[in-house]
Amino acid sequence: MRHIKIFTCRIKLTKFTFSIFVILPKSLMSLIRFILSRLFLKQLLLMLVLLFGLILCLLFWLDSNTRHGEQIVVPDVSGLSIDEAMTALQERKLAYAILDTSSYNPNFPYQTIIEQIPAPGSVVKQSRKIYLSINRSGYKMTTVPDLVGKTLRQAEPALRSAGFKVGKLTYKKYIAKDEVLALKFRKRTLKQGDQLPLTSIIDLELGDGSGGFSVEALDRDSPFHPSNRKRDSL
């Protein structure tokens, strides 16, 4: 009985296989008839039209968002006021953003543009955002160190550590070489206790070490001038 069941199953399997073999050609013929029918051709044509329209819309969207081929040269707005910079950028259809920084540059007026990103002359696309840095209020005032009578080797690091810059060095006839006779800022002789903004450039007046001493060569505001020494002694 077990052998008959197996044989019977095989017969059923054979019938199942044979039935599939018979059905496949009919399905294929039905598919061919459907492909050649007007209904399918109309649907296919409609799908192609929709696909073509979708591609056109996608290309239009990409062109409008990437601005392909449209280039704008970034103008130089350094030194301009905020309103002037905004006008210059808007005329070129560029966006802008003001950076929240505490930058200060003594070479630029207060509340003007001192830096921009991207840099002037860069080629960008329309609506590109330009980041602007504004010249804020000046540096805090700092007392100038008392360096009269010090050597140049002592004065230079002292000025830099205080936040100042060493400017022009001038020499006058004096017995001690490289001894500081006076400190000057914009041709004005500084006195003890004077204050200047950080990063100010301070010029130094030094002795030339010629071995002589000339009262006329000294600035009248210098503490080494005889008239000032008399006042100090009083």
Foldseek 3Di string as FASTA:
>chain_A
DVVVVVVVVVVVVVVVVVVVVVVVVVVVVVVVVVCPDPVNVVVVVVVVVVVVVVVVVVVVVCCVVQVPPAKDFAADQFQHAPVVNVVVQVVRQEAEDEDPDADADPVHDARGWHDKPPDGGDIDHHHHYIYTYTHHDFADKFFQDPQQQHAQVVRQVVQVVRQEHEDAEAEDADQDFRGFQFKDAPNHTDDGGDIDGGHGYIYTYTYHNPRDDDLVRHDPPTCPRPVNVVVVVD
